[in-house]
Every structure is written in C-alpha cells, then in structure tokens.
PDB file of N, CA and C in Angstrom:
ATOM      1  N   UNK A   1     159.680 -91.497 -89.178  1.00  0.00           N
ATOM      2  CA  UNK A   1     160.550 -90.975 -90.249  1.00  0.00           C
ATOM      3  C   UNK A   1     161.076 -92.322 -90.980  1.00  0.00           C
ATOM      4  N   UNK A   2     161.184 -92.143 -92.332  1.00  0.00           N
ATOM      5  CA  UNK A   2     161.517 -93.094 -93.184  1.00  0.00           C
ATOM      6  C   UNK A   2     163.273 -92.787 -93.291  1.00  0.00           C
ATOM      7  N   UNK A   3     163.800 -93.860 -93.894  1.00  0.00           N
ATOM      8  CA  UNK A   3     165.054 -93.898 -94.223  1.00  0.00           C
ATOM      9  C   UNK A   3     165.508 -92.713 -95.359  1.00  0.00           C
ATOM     10  N   UNK A   4     164.686 -92.471 -96.279  1.00  0.00           N
ATOM     11  CA  UNK A   4     164.998 -91.503 -97.214  1.00  0.00           C
ATOM     12  C   UNK A   4     164.786 -90.027 -96.378  1.00  0.00           C
ATOM     13  N   UNK A   5     163.793 -90.245 -95.500  1.00  0.00           N
ATOM     14  CA  UNK A   5     163.438 -88.760 -95.107  1.00  0.00           C
ATOM     15  C   UNK A   5     164.754 -88.390 -93.748  1.00  0.00           C
ATOM     16  N   UNK A   6     165.379 -89.565 -93.266  1.00  0.00           N
ATOM     17  CA  UNK A   6     166.458 -89.205 -92.431  1.00  0.00           C
ATOM     18  C   UNK A   6     167.748 -88.850 -93.133  1.00  0.00           C
ATOM     19  N   UNK A   7     167.919 -89.443 -94.405  1.00  0.00           N
ATOM     20  CA  UNK A   7     168.891 -88.958 -95.274  1.00  0.00           C
ATOM     21  C   UNK A   7     168.836 -87.380 -95.592  1.00  0.00           C
ATOM     22  N   UNK A   8     167.626 -87.210 -96.162  1.00  0.00           N
ATOM     23  CA  UNK A   8     167.316 -85.661 -96.459  1.00  0.00           C
ATOM     24  C   UNK A   8     167.400 -84.747 -95.217  1.00  0.00           C
ATOM     25  N   UNK A   9     167.058 -85.123 -94.098  1.00  0.00           N
ATOM     26  CA  UNK A   9     167.243 -84.389 -92.786  1.00  0.00           C
ATOM     27  C   UNK A   9     168.708 -83.980 -92.427  1.00  0.00           C
ATOM     28  N   UNK A  10     169.536 -85.279 -92.639  1.00  0.00           N
ATOM     29  CA  UNK A  10     170.898 -85.341 -92.344  1.00  0.00           C
ATOM     30  C   UNK A  10     171.625 -84.246 -93.330  1.00  0.00           C
ATOM     31  N   UNK A  11     171.013 -84.302 -94.638  1.00  0.00           N
ATOM     32  CA  UNK A  11     171.646 -83.331 -95.633  1.00  0.00           C
ATOM     33  C   UNK A  11     171.450 -81.960 -95.460  1.00  0.00           C
ATOM     34  N   UNK A  12     170.063 -81.690 -94.997  1.00  0.00           N
ATOM     35  CA  UNK A  12     169.585 -80.259 -94.904  1.00  0.00           C
ATOM     36  C   UNK A  12     170.447 -79.694 -93.594  1.00  0.00           C
ATOM     37  N   UNK A  13     170.238 -80.454 -92.578  1.00  0.00           N
ATOM     38  CA  UNK A  13     170.911 -79.861 -91.416  1.00  0.00           C
ATOM     39  C   UNK A  13     172.360 -79.735 -91.309  1.00  0.00           C
ATOM     40  N   UNK A  14     173.197 -80.706 -92.016  1.00  0.00           N
ATOM     41  CA  UNK A  14     174.611 -80.605 -92.160  1.00  0.00           C
ATOM     42  C   UNK A  14     174.813 -79.408 -93.001  1.00  0.00           C
ATOM     43  N   UNK A  15     174.055 -79.006 -94.009  1.00  0.00           N
ATOM     44  CA  UNK A  15     174.210 -77.935 -94.906  1.00  0.00           C
ATOM     45  C   UNK A  15     174.311 -76.600 -94.222  1.00  0.00           C
ATOM     46  N   UNK A  16     173.445 -76.752 -93.146  1.00  0.00           N
ATOM     47  CA  UNK A  16     173.387 -75.182 -92.181  1.00  0.00           C
ATOM     48  C   UNK A  16     174.591 -74.855 -91.628  1.00  0.00           C
ATOM     49  N   UNK A  17     175.204 -76.197 -91.136  1.00  0.00           N
ATOM     50  CA  UNK A  17     176.449 -75.953 -90.582  1.00  0.00           C
ATOM     51  C   UNK A  17     176.485 -75.829 -89.051  1.00  0.00           C
ATOM     52  N   UNK A  18     177.438 -75.970 -88.241  1.00  0.00           N
ATOM     53  CA  UNK A  18     177.594 -76.045 -86.726  1.00  0.00           C
ATOM     54  C   UNK A  18     177.023 -74.697 -86.205  1.00  0.00           C
ATOM     55  N   UNK A  19     176.151 -74.997 -85.378  1.00  0.00           N
ATOM     56  CA  UNK A  19     175.571 -73.819 -84.450  1.00  0.00           C
ATOM     57  C   UNK A  19     176.240 -73.846 -83.046  1.00  0.00           C
ATOM     58  N   UNK A  20     177.432 -74.675 -82.747  1.00  0.00           N
ATOM     59  CA  UNK A  20     177.881 -74.697 -81.360  1.00  0.00           C
ATOM     60  C   UNK A  20     179.200 -73.911 -81.465  1.00  0.00           C
ATOM     61  N   UNK A  21     179.668 -73.173 -82.310  1.00  0.00           N
ATOM     62  CA  UNK A  21     180.830 -72.543 -82.329  1.00  0.00           C
ATOM     63  C   UNK A  21     180.959 -71.794 -81.025  1.00  0.00           C
ATOM     64  N   UNK A  22     182.266 -72.039 -80.446  1.00  0.00           N
ATOM     65  CA  UNK A  22     182.584 -71.243 -79.119  1.00  0.00           C
ATOM     66  C   UNK A  22     181.979 -71.870 -77.968  1.00  0.00           C
ATOM     67  N   UNK A  23     181.211 -72.757 -78.029  1.00  0.00           N
ATOM     68  CA  UNK A  23     180.539 -73.346 -76.633  1.00  0.00           C
ATOM     69  C   UNK A  23     181.627 -74.205 -76.019  1.00  0.00           C
ATOM     70  N   UNK A  24     182.447 -74.977 -76.618  1.00  0.00           N
ATOM     71  CA  UNK A  24     183.540 -75.756 -76.121  1.00  0.00           C
ATOM     72  C   UNK A  24     184.884 -75.664 -76.916  1.00  0.00           C
ATOM     73  N   UNK A  25     186.025 -75.296 -76.434  1.00  0.00           N
ATOM     74  CA  UNK A  25     187.073 -75.192 -77.010  1.00  0.00           C
ATOM     75  C   UNK A  25     187.358 -76.502 -77.512  1.00  0.00           C
ATOM     76  N   UNK A  26     188.215 -76.477 -78.691  1.00  0.00           N
ATOM     77  CA  UNK A  26     188.827 -77.818 -78.988  1.00  0.00           C
ATOM     78  C   UNK A  26     189.858 -78.172 -78.154  1.00  0.00           C
ATOM     79  N   UNK A  27     189.929 -79.549 -77.725  1.00  0.00           N
ATOM     80  CA  UNK A  27     190.870 -80.056 -76.770  1.00  0.00           C
ATOM     81  C   UNK A  27     192.053 -80.369 -77.559  1.00  0.00           C
ATOM     82  N   UNK A  28     192.095 -80.364 -78.794  1.00  0.00           N
ATOM     83  CA  UNK A  28     193.405 -80.704 -79.712  1.00  0.00           C
ATOM     84  C   UNK A  28     194.169 -79.409 -80.182  1.00  0.00           C
ATOM     85  N   UNK A  29     195.318 -79.258 -80.070  1.00  0.00           N
ATOM     86  CA  UNK A  29     195.713 -78.009 -80.352  1.00  0.00           C
ATOM     87  C   UNK A  29     196.331 -78.058 -81.835  1.00  0.00           C
ATOM     88  N   UNK A  30     196.063 -79.202 -82.496  1.00  0.00           N
ATOM     89  CA  UNK A  30     196.428 -79.119 -83.869  1.00  0.00           C
ATOM     90  C   UNK A  30     195.263 -79.049 -84.779  1.00  0.00           C
ATOM     91  N   UNK A  31     194.040 -79.071 -84.059  1.00  0.00           N
ATOM     92  CA  UNK A  31     192.716 -78.892 -85.061  1.00  0.00           C
ATOM     93  C   UNK A  31     192.195 -77.872 -84.740  1.00  0.00           C
ATOM     94  N   UNK A  32     191.871 -76.996 -85.910  1.00  0.00           N
ATOM     95  CA  UNK A  32     191.318 -75.604 -85.839  1.00  0.00           C
ATOM     96  C   UNK A  32     189.733 -75.702 -84.903  1.00  0.00           C
ATOM     97  N   UNK A  33     189.618 -74.649 -84.437  1.00  0.00           N
ATOM     98  CA  UNK A  33     188.387 -74.699 -83.706  1.00  0.00           C
ATOM     99  C   UNK A  33     187.097 -74.861 -84.532  1.00  0.00           C
ATOM    100  N   UNK A  34     187.217 -74.233 -85.655  1.00  0.00           N
ATOM    101  CA  UNK A  34     186.056 -74.372 -86.599  1.00  0.00           C
ATOM    102  C   UNK A  34     185.888 -75.941 -87.025  1.00  0.00           C
ATOM    103  N   UNK A  35     186.904 -76.446 -87.363  1.00  0.00           N
ATOM    104  CA  UNK A  35     186.816 -77.940 -87.811  1.00  0.00           C
ATOM    105  C   UNK A  35     186.235 -78.673 -86.771  1.00  0.00           C
ATOM    106  N   UNK A  36     186.953 -78.585 -85.601  1.00  0.00           N
ATOM    107  CA  UNK A  36     186.337 -79.114 -84.399  1.00  0.00           C
ATOM    108  C   UNK A  36     184.916 -78.973 -84.076  1.00  0.00           C
ATOM    109  N   UNK A  37     184.254 -77.883 -84.240  1.00  0.00           N
ATOM    110  CA  UNK A  37     182.829 -77.493 -84.212  1.00  0.00           C
ATOM    111  C   UNK A  37     182.129 -78.233 -85.136  1.00  0.00           C
ATOM    112  N   UNK A  38     182.677 -78.277 -86.326  1.00  0.00           N
ATOM    113  CA  UNK A  38     181.969 -79.027 -87.613  1.00  0.00           C
ATOM    114  C   UNK A  38     181.686 -80.342 -87.435  1.00  0.00           C
ATOM    115  N   UNK A  39     183.002 -81.084 -86.802  1.00  0.00           N
ATOM    116  CA  UNK A  39     182.801 -82.479 -86.725  1.00  0.00           C
ATOM    117  C   UNK A  39     181.819 -82.825 -85.487  1.00  0.00           C
ATOM    118  N   UNK A  40     182.115 -82.086 -84.525  1.00  0.00           N
ATOM    119  CA  UNK A  40     181.114 -82.312 -83.297  1.00  0.00           C
ATOM    120  C   UNK A  40     179.575 -82.199 -83.687  1.00  0.00           C
ATOM    121  N   UNK A  41     179.200 -81.266 -84.617  1.00  0.00           N
ATOM    122  CA  UNK A  41     178.024 -80.913 -85.038  1.00  0.00           C
ATOM    123  C   UNK A  41     177.453 -82.186 -85.754  1.00  0.00           C
ATOM    124  N   UNK A  42     178.208 -82.635 -86.897  1.00  0.00           N
ATOM    125  CA  UNK A  42     177.800 -83.564 -87.633  1.00  0.00           C
ATOM    126  C   UNK A  42     177.655 -84.835 -86.791  1.00  0.00           C
ATOM    127  N   UNK A  43     178.537 -85.168 -85.929  1.00  0.00           N
ATOM    128  CA  UNK A  43     178.391 -86.372 -85.039  1.00  0.00           C
ATOM    129  C   UNK A  43     177.206 -86.217 -84.253  1.00  0.00           C
ATOM    130  N   UNK A  44     176.883 -85.348 -83.716  1.00  0.00           N
ATOM    131  CA  UNK A  44     175.826 -85.082 -82.849  1.00  0.00           C
ATOM    132  C   UNK A  44     174.251 -85.224 -83.852  1.00  0.00           C
ATOM    133  N   UNK A  45     174.401 -84.607 -84.807  1.00  0.00           N
ATOM    134  CA  UNK A  45     173.374 -84.630 -85.868  1.00  0.00           C
ATOM    135  C   UNK A  45     173.108 -86.152 -86.266  1.00  0.00           C
ATOM    136  N   UNK A  46     174.089 -86.790 -86.623  1.00  0.00           N
ATOM    137  CA  UNK A  46     174.098 -88.301 -87.044  1.00  0.00           C
ATOM    138  C   UNK A  46     173.421 -89.109 -86.012  1.00  0.00           C
ATOM    139  N   UNK A  47     173.920 -88.990 -84.589  1.00  0.00           N
ATOM    140  CA  UNK A  47     173.369 -89.798 -83.524  1.00  0.00           C
ATOM    141  C   UNK A  47     171.822 -89.487 -83.308  1.00  0.00           C
ATOM    142  N   UNK A  48     171.560 -88.172 -83.349  1.00  0.00           N
ATOM    143  CA  UNK A  48     170.139 -87.761 -83.138  1.00  0.00           C
ATOM    144  C   UNK A  48     169.272 -88.437 -84.267  1.00  0.00           C
ATOM    145  N   UNK A  49     169.766 -88.443 -85.446  1.00  0.00           N
ATOM    146  CA  UNK A  49     168.837 -89.017 -86.552  1.00  0.00           C
ATOM    147  C   UNK A  49     168.769 -90.472 -86.304  1.00  0.00           C
ATOM    148  N   UNK A  50     170.036 -91.202 -86.050  1.00  0.00           N
ATOM    149  CA  UNK A  50     169.891 -92.623 -85.730  1.00  0.00           C
ATOM    150  C   UNK A  50     169.013 -93.017 -84.586  1.00  0.00           C
ATOM    151  N   UNK A  51     168.880 -92.157 -83.556  1.00  0.00           N
ATOM    152  CA  UNK A  51     168.006 -92.394 -82.454  1.00  0.00           C
ATOM    153  C   UNK A  51     166.489 -92.309 -82.922  1.00  0.00           C
ATOM    154  N   UNK A  52     166.234 -91.466 -83.777  1.00  0.00           N
ATOM    155  CA  UNK A  52     164.859 -91.246 -84.161  1.00  0.00           C
ATOM    156  C   UNK A  52     164.544 -92.500 -84.945  1.00  0.00           C
ATOM    157  N   UNK A  53     165.493 -93.053 -85.926  1.00  0.00           N
ATOM    158  CA  UNK A  53     165.073 -94.207 -86.702  1.00  0.00           C
ATOM    159  C   UNK A  53     164.972 -95.275 -85.677  1.00  0.00           C
ATOM    160  N   UNK A  54     165.823 -95.557 -84.694  1.00  0.00           N
ATOM    161  CA  UNK A  54     165.689 -96.481 -83.749  1.00  0.00           C
ATOM    162  C   UNK A  54     164.365 -96.534 -83.107  1.00  0.00           C
ATOM    163  N   UNK A  55     163.763 -95.385 -82.572  1.00  0.00           N
ATOM    164  CA  UNK A  55     162.449 -95.171 -82.013  1.00  0.00           C
ATOM    165  C   UNK A  55     161.374 -95.593 -82.915  1.00  0.00           C
ATOM    166  N   UNK A  56     161.757 -95.347 -84.124  1.00  0.00           N
ATOM    167  CA  UNK A  56     160.436 -95.640 -85.102  1.00  0.00           C
ATOM    168  C   UNK A  56     160.458 -97.150 -85.656  1.00  0.00           C
ATOM    169  N   UNK A  57     161.738 -97.676 -85.588  1.00  0.00           N
ATOM    170  CA  UNK A  57     161.626 -99.246 -86.230  1.00  0.00           C
ATOM    171  C   UNK A  57     162.112-100.282 -85.261  1.00  0.00           C
ATOM    172  N   UNK A  58     162.774 -99.744 -84.174  1.00  0.00           N
ATOM    173  CA  UNK A  58     162.976-100.879 -83.012  1.00  0.00           C
ATOM    174  C   UNK A  58     163.126-100.454 -81.775  1.00  0.00           C
ATOM    175  N   UNK A  59     161.896 -99.835 -81.219  1.00  0.00           N
ATOM    176  CA  UNK A  59     161.626 -99.136 -79.978  1.00  0.00           C
ATOM    177  C   UNK A  59     161.921-100.458 -79.037  1.00  0.00           C
ATOM    178  N   UNK A  60     162.425 -99.651 -77.690  1.00  0.00           N
ATOM    179  CA  UNK A  60     162.748-100.644 -76.729  1.00  0.00           C
ATOM    180  C   UNK A  60     161.388-101.097 -76.226  1.00  0.00           C
ATOM    181  N   UNK A  61     161.341-102.323 -75.888  1.00  0.00           N
ATOM    182  CA  UNK A  61     160.135-103.041 -75.266  1.00  0.00           C
ATOM    183  C   UNK A  61     160.265-103.493 -73.948  1.00  0.00           C
ATOM    184  N   UNK A  62     159.779-102.715 -72.927  1.00  0.00           N
ATOM    185  CA  UNK A  62     160.094-103.179 -71.373  1.00  0.00           C
ATOM    186  C   UNK A  62     158.793-104.025 -70.948  1.00  0.00           C
ATOM    187  N   UNK A  63     159.487-105.219 -70.428  1.00  0.00           N
ATOM    188  CA  UNK A  63     158.656-106.358 -69.867  1.00  0.00           C
ATOM    189  C   UNK A  63     159.419-107.053 -68.830  1.00  0.00           C
ATOM    190  N   UNK A  64     158.481-107.691 -68.192  1.00  0.00           N
ATOM    191  CA  UNK A  64     159.048-108.379 -66.828  1.00  0.00           C
ATOM    192  C   UNK A  64     159.836-109.699 -67.354  1.00  0.00           C
ATOM    193  N   UNK A  65     160.634-110.253 -66.483  1.00  0.00           N
ATOM    194  CA  UNK A  65     161.534-111.279 -66.921  1.00  0.00           C
ATOM    195  C   UNK A  65     160.615-112.486 -67.307  1.00  0.00           C
ATOM    196  N   UNK A  66     159.671-112.791 -66.712  1.00  0.00           N
ATOM    197  CA  UNK A  66     158.701-113.722 -66.786  1.00  0.00           C
ATOM    198  C   UNK A  66     158.002-113.738 -68.476  1.00  0.00           C
ATOM    199  N   UNK A  67     157.786-112.382 -68.601  1.00  0.00           N
ATOM    200  CA  UNK A  67     157.272-112.411 -69.908  1.00  0.00           C
ATOM    201  C   UNK A  67     158.326-112.471 -71.044  1.00  0.00           C
ATOM    202  N   UNK A  68     159.453-111.911 -70.782  1.00  0.00           N
ATOM    203  CA  UNK A  68     160.657-112.095 -71.683  1.00  0.00           C
ATOM    204  C   UNK A  68     160.875-113.932 -71.923  1.00  0.00           C
ATOM    205  N   UNK A  69     160.796-114.377 -70.629  1.00  0.00           N
ATOM    206  CA  UNK A  69     161.146-115.938 -70.629  1.00  0.00           C
ATOM    207  C   UNK A  69     160.216-116.614 -71.612  1.00  0.00           C
ATOM    208  N   UNK A  70     158.969-116.305 -71.412  1.00  0.00           N
ATOM    209  CA  UNK A  70     157.850-116.806 -72.147  1.00  0.00           C
ATOM    210  C   UNK A  70     158.166-116.751 -73.771  1.00  0.00           C
ATOM    211  N   UNK A  71     158.627-115.710 -74.049  1.00  0.00           N
ATOM    212  CA  UNK A  71     158.938-115.357 -75.568  1.00  0.00           C
ATOM    213  C   UNK A  71     160.079-116.148 -75.834  1.00  0.00           C
ATOM    214  N   UNK A  72     161.155-116.184 -75.208  1.00  0.00           N
ATOM    215  CA  UNK A  72     162.233-117.136 -75.427  1.00  0.00           C
ATOM    216  C   UNK A  72     162.023-118.697 -75.221  1.00  0.00           C
ATOM    217  N   UNK A  73     161.305-118.980 -74.288  1.00  0.00           N
ATOM    218  CA  UNK A  73     160.979-120.378 -74.181  1.00  0.00           C
ATOM    219  C   UNK A  73     160.270-120.976 -75.185  1.00  0.00           C
ATOM    220  N   UNK A  74     159.175-120.159 -75.926  1.00  0.00           N
ATOM    221  CA  UNK A  74     158.321-120.739 -76.888  1.00  0.00           C
ATOM    222  C   UNK A  74     158.660-120.175 -78.258  1.00  0.00           C
ATOM    223  N   UNK A  75     159.728-119.597 -78.465  1.00  0.00           N
ATOM    224  CA  UNK A  75     159.994-118.950 -79.936  1.00  0.00           C
ATOM    225  C   UNK A  75     160.030-120.188 -80.861  1.00  0.00           C
ATOM    226  N   UNK A  76     160.924-121.279 -80.374  1.00  0.00           N
ATOM    227  CA  UNK A  76     160.720-122.152 -81.568  1.00  0.00           C
ATOM    228  C   UNK A  76     159.756-123.141 -81.713  1.00  0.00           C
ATOM    229  N   UNK A  77     158.947-123.394 -80.509  1.00  0.00           N
ATOM    230  CA  UNK A  77     157.949-124.227 -80.681  1.00  0.00           C
ATOM    231  C   UNK A  77     156.558-123.806 -81.036  1.00  0.00           C
ATOM    232  N   UNK A  78     156.426-122.610 -80.630  1.00  0.00           N
ATOM    233  CA  UNK A  78     154.863-121.939 -80.653  1.00  0.00           C
ATOM    234  C   UNK A  78     154.881-120.853 -81.588  1.00  0.00           C
ATOM    235  N   UNK A  79     153.723-120.516 -82.363  1.00  0.00           N
ATOM    236  CA  UNK A  79     153.615-119.552 -83.112  1.00  0.00           C
ATOM    237  C   UNK A  79     153.404-118.068 -82.287  1.00  0.00           C
ATOM    238  N   UNK A  80     153.592-117.093 -82.886  1.00  0.00           N
ATOM    239  CA  UNK A  80     153.250-115.743 -82.269  1.00  0.00           C
ATOM    240  C   UNK A  80     151.862-115.530 -81.697  1.00  0.00           C
ATOM    241  N   UNK A  81     150.879-115.858 -82.695  1.00  0.00           N
ATOM    242  CA  UNK A  81     149.727-115.671 -82.016  1.00  0.00           C
ATOM    243  C   UNK A  81     149.184-116.694 -80.660  1.00  0.00           C
ATOM    244  N   UNK A  82     149.792-117.844 -80.754  1.00  0.00           N
ATOM    245  CA  UNK A  82     149.780-118.654 -79.480  1.00  0.00           C
ATOM    246  C   UNK A  82     150.192-118.081 -78.167  1.00  0.00           C
ATOM    247  N   UNK A  83     151.430-117.294 -78.366  1.00  0.00           N
ATOM    248  CA  UNK A  83     151.880-116.615 -77.145  1.00  0.00           C
ATOM    249  C   UNK A  83     151.059-115.632 -76.715  1.00  0.00           C
ATOM    250  N   UNK A  84     150.643-114.756 -77.765  1.00  0.00           N
ATOM    251  CA  UNK A  84     149.883-113.619 -77.281  1.00  0.00           C
ATOM    252  C   UNK A  84     148.456-113.808 -76.905  1.00  0.00           C
ATOM    253  N   UNK A  85     147.705-115.058 -77.257  1.00  0.00           N
ATOM    254  CA  UNK A  85     146.230-115.115 -77.073  1.00  0.00           C
ATOM    255  C   UNK A  85     145.921-115.601 -75.513  1.00  0.00           C
ATOM    256  N   UNK A  86     144.698-115.419 -75.385  1.00  0.00           N
ATOM    257  CA  UNK A  86     144.256-115.855 -73.978  1.00  0.00           C
ATOM    258  C   UNK A  86     144.175-117.291 -74.081  1.00  0.00           C
ATOM    259  N   UNK A  87     143.430-118.093 -72.988  1.00  0.00           N
ATOM    260  CA  UNK A  87     143.283-119.389 -73.121  1.00  0.00           C
ATOM    261  C   UNK A  87     142.502-119.985 -74.042  1.00  0.00           C
ATOM    262  N   UNK A  88     141.396-119.166 -74.610  1.00  0.00           N
ATOM    263  CA  UNK A  88     140.416-119.502 -75.537  1.00  0.00           C
ATOM    264  C   UNK A  88     141.324-119.424 -77.029  1.00  0.00           C
ATOM    265  N   UNK A  89     142.417-118.719 -77.050  1.00  0.00           N
ATOM    266  CA  UNK A  89     143.000-118.725 -78.316  1.00  0.00           C
ATOM    267  C   UNK A  89     142.511-117.715 -79.235  1.00  0.00           C
ATOM    268  N   UNK A  90     141.299-116.851 -78.700  1.00  0.00           N
ATOM    269  CA  UNK A  90     140.911-115.818 -79.832  1.00  0.00           C
ATOM    270  C   UNK A  90     141.437-114.408 -79.552  1.00  0.00           C
ATOM    271  N   UNK A  91     141.541-114.080 -78.381  1.00  0.00           N
ATOM    272  CA  UNK A  91     141.972-112.673 -78.178  1.00  0.00           C
ATOM    273  C   UNK A  91     143.253-112.448 -77.409  1.00  0.00           C
ATOM    274  N   UNK A  92     143.636-111.104 -77.609  1.00  0.00           N
ATOM    275  CA  UNK A  92     144.971-110.822 -77.037  1.00  0.00           C
ATOM    276  C   UNK A  92     144.970-110.879 -75.406  1.00  0.00           C
ATOM    277  N   UNK A  93     145.810-111.487 -74.698  1.00  0.00           N
ATOM    278  CA  UNK A  93     145.826-111.817 -73.570  1.00  0.00           C
ATOM    279  C   UNK A  93     146.185-110.544 -72.751  1.00  0.00           C
ATOM    280  N   UNK A  94     145.428-109.426 -72.565  1.00  0.00           N
ATOM    281  CA  UNK A  94     145.713-108.299 -71.997  1.00  0.00           C
ATOM    282  C   UNK A  94     146.206-108.518 -70.469  1.00  0.00           C
ATOM    283  N   UNK A  95     145.568-109.340 -69.756  1.00  0.00           N
ATOM    284  CA  UNK A  95     145.816-109.732 -68.414  1.00  0.00           C
ATOM    285  C   UNK A  95     147.198-110.194 -68.127  1.00  0.00           C
ATOM    286  N   UNK A  96     147.681-111.243 -69.045  1.00  0.00           N
ATOM    287  CA  UNK A  96     149.065-111.625 -68.863  1.00  0.00           C
ATOM    288  C   UNK A  96     149.992-110.520 -69.161  1.00  0.00           C
ATOM    289  N   UNK A  97     149.738-109.914 -70.450  1.00  0.00           N
ATOM    290  CA  UNK A  97     150.785-108.968 -70.993  1.00  0.00           C
ATOM    291  C   UNK A  97     150.756-107.506 -70.321  1.00  0.00           C
ATOM    292  N   UNK A  98     149.850-107.240 -69.416  1.00  0.00           N
ATOM    293  CA  UNK A  98     149.435-106.119 -68.760  1.00  0.00           C
ATOM    294  C   UNK A  98     149.384-104.796 -69.650  1.00  0.00           C
ATOM    295  N   UNK A  99     150.310-104.016 -69.624  1.00  0.00           N
ATOM    296  CA  UNK A  99     150.428-102.672 -70.223  1.00  0.00           C
ATOM    297  C   UNK A  99     150.738-102.852 -71.837  1.00  0.00           C
ATOM    298  N   UNK A 100     151.470-103.850 -71.915  1.00  0.00           N
ATOM    299  CA  UNK A 100     151.978-103.951 -73.440  1.00  0.00           C
ATOM    300  C   UNK A 100     151.027-104.280 -74.353  1.00  0.00           C
ATOM    301  N   UNK A 101     151.063-103.544 -75.576  1.00  0.00           N
ATOM    302  CA  UNK A 101     150.100-103.607 -76.597  1.00  0.00           C
ATOM    303  C   UNK A 101     150.550-104.875 -77.626  1.00  0.00           C
ATOM    304  N   UNK A 102     149.664-105.356 -78.264  1.00  0.00           N
ATOM    305  CA  UNK A 102     150.052-106.492 -79.286  1.00  0.00           C
ATOM    306  C   UNK A 102     151.444-106.200 -80.186  1.00  0.00           C
ATOM    307  N   UNK A 103     151.392-104.977 -80.615  1.00  0.00           N
ATOM    308  CA  UNK A 103     152.375-104.784 -81.495  1.00  0.00           C
ATOM    309  C   UNK A 103     153.850-104.834 -80.921  1.00  0.00           C
ATOM    310  N   UNK A 104     153.937-104.304 -79.676  1.00  0.00           N
ATOM    311  CA  UNK A 104     155.133-104.312 -78.762  1.00  0.00           C
ATOM    312  C   UNK A 104     155.541-105.779 -78.432  1.00  0.00           C
ATOM    313  N   UNK A 105     154.490-106.774 -78.087  1.00  0.00           N
ATOM    314  CA  UNK A 105     154.809-108.186 -78.055  1.00  0.00           C
ATOM    315  C   UNK A 105     155.419-108.833 -79.338  1.00  0.00           C
ATOM    316  N   UNK A 106     154.801-108.709 -80.297  1.00  0.00           N
ATOM    317  CA  UNK A 106     155.286-108.884 -81.687  1.00  0.00           C
ATOM    318  C   UNK A 106     156.653-108.498 -82.094  1.00  0.00           C
ATOM    319  N   UNK A 107     156.778-107.284 -81.802  1.00  0.00           N
ATOM    320  CA  UNK A 107     158.164-106.622 -82.073  1.00  0.00           C
ATOM    321  C   UNK A 107     159.123-107.344 -81.031  1.00  0.00           C
ATOM    322  N   UNK A 108     158.834-107.695 -79.773  1.00  0.00           N
ATOM    323  CA  UNK A 108     159.730-108.252 -78.951  1.00  0.00           C
ATOM    324  C   UNK A 108     160.206-109.791 -79.258  1.00  0.00           C
ATOM    325  N   UNK A 109     159.091-110.425 -79.905  1.00  0.00           N
ATOM    326  CA  UNK A 109     159.341-111.610 -80.522  1.00  0.00           C
ATOM    327  C   UNK A 109     160.181-111.756 -81.778  1.00  0.00           C
ATOM    328  N   UNK A 110     160.000-110.851 -82.617  1.00  0.00           N
ATOM    329  CA  UNK A 110     160.769-110.712 -83.682  1.00  0.00           C
ATOM    330  C   UNK A 110     162.272-110.027 -83.600  1.00  0.00           C
ATOM    331  N   UNK A 111     162.297-109.199 -82.722  1.00  0.00           N
ATOM    332  CA  UNK A 111     163.591-108.632 -82.333  1.00  0.00           C
ATOM    333  C   UNK A 111     164.016-108.634 -80.778  1.00  0.00           C
ATOM    334  N   UNK A 112     164.253-109.729 -80.139  1.00  0.00           N
ATOM    335  CA  UNK A 112     164.507-109.891 -78.721  1.00  0.00           C
ATOM    336  C   UNK A 112     165.542-108.928 -78.100  1.00  0.00           C
ATOM    337  N   UNK A 113     166.443-108.453 -79.009  1.00  0.00           N
ATOM    338  CA  UNK A 113     167.375-107.447 -78.647  1.00  0.00           C
ATOM    339  C   UNK A 113     166.953-106.327 -78.081  1.00  0.00           C
ATOM    340  N   UNK A 114     165.570-106.039 -78.442  1.00  0.00           N
ATOM    341  CA  UNK A 114     165.080-104.635 -77.974  1.00  0.00           C
ATOM    342  C   UNK A 114     164.257-104.870 -76.621  1.00  0.00           C
ATOM    343  N   UNK A 115     164.220-106.032 -76.094  1.00  0.00           N
ATOM    344  CA  UNK A 115     163.674-106.101 -74.765  1.00  0.00           C
ATOM    345  C   UNK A 115     164.518-105.501 -73.642  1.00  0.00           C
ATOM    346  N   UNK A 116     163.845-104.734 -72.796  1.00  0.00           N
ATOM    347  CA  UNK A 116     164.433-104.177 -71.488  1.00  0.00           C
ATOM    348  C   UNK A 116     163.652-104.932 -70.315  1.00  0.00           C
ATOM    349  N   UNK A 117     164.513-105.628 -69.444  1.00  0.00           N
ATOM    350  CA  UNK A 117     163.769-106.247 -68.312  1.00  0.00           C
ATOM    351  C   UNK A 117     163.531-105.193 -67.233  1.00  0.00           C
ATOM    352  N   UNK A 118     162.409-105.123 -66.707  1.00  0.00           N
ATOM    353  CA  UNK A 118     161.813-104.244 -65.577  1.00  0.00           C
ATOM    354  C   UNK A 118     161.116-105.045 -64.461  1.00  0.00           C
ATOM    355  N   UNK A 119     160.968-104.392 -63.501  1.00  0.00           N
ATOM    356  CA  UNK A 119     160.298-105.236 -62.369  1.00  0.00           C
ATOM    357  C   UNK A 119     158.978-105.333 -62.580  1.00  0.00           C
ATOM    358  N   UNK A 120     158.203-104.330 -62.856  1.00  0.00           N
ATOM    359  CA  UNK A 120     156.877-104.159 -63.340  1.00  0.00           C
ATOM    360  C   UNK A 120     156.923-103.384 -64.722  1.00  0.00           C
ATOM    361  N   UNK A 121     155.688-103.774 -65.248  1.00  0.00           N
ATOM    362  CA  UNK A 121     155.673-103.094 -66.719  1.00  0.00           C
ATOM    363  C   UNK A 121     154.613-101.659 -66.381  1.00  0.00           C
ATOM    364  N   UNK A 122     155.162-100.605 -66.598  1.00  0.00           N
ATOM    365  CA  UNK A 122     154.353 -99.368 -66.266  1.00  0.00           C
ATOM    366  C   UNK A 122     153.429 -98.982 -67.287  1.00  0.00           C
TER     367      UNK A 122
END
C-alpha cells in the first residue's frame, strides 16, 4: 500500500460511514450515539490504515540480542555489506543471521527502532 492509496482508502471507507452503530453505547451523556459511533469508526479506520503502512514501510524485525548488538556496535565503523557478509565477504551470511533475509537485516540497520529482541529467531 502506498501513501496515496492509504489516503484513498481512508476517504472511501470514511464516506461509507460507521458500521458499528448500537454495538457499544456512548459513555458520554452529552455526545449523541451517532456522533460517538462516527468518531469511533474513523479512529479505528485511521489506526487500521496506519498499521498497514507500518507493515509495508517499517516492519518489525525480530532478532537476537547478539545480532542487534552487531548492528549497533559496527554501525559507525562498518558498511552494511560488511555486517551482512560471510567471512569471505562475498555472500550473505545466512548461518549467522539465521532466518532473517538480507532486506530485513538492511531494514534493521537503517531503522533500528523496528528491532524486537527475541530469544531465538523463528
């Protein structure tokens, strides 16, 4: 999903209107039920689209603490290809990075905030 597609989806879905009327009563006595349903619907729609964009452009990368430390320790000194390569420096070191793909390692290198530490990479 691209950003312009996200905007179009939001506009299309928000024009349809809330489909949650009557499911949960408004906890606010001064806000009409219809307005409460509309705002709740738009908020849920907004977060759903943001989550889709996050999965597309900044997915969470699960790695071990040791793998994360290698990225942080060498970020200023080494180039990305040096971190990813095997001892010969020619191929992606699949043994070290285990189940991670090259694009996931590169994404974690560029955006360390997307890293989630796990005991073992699944």
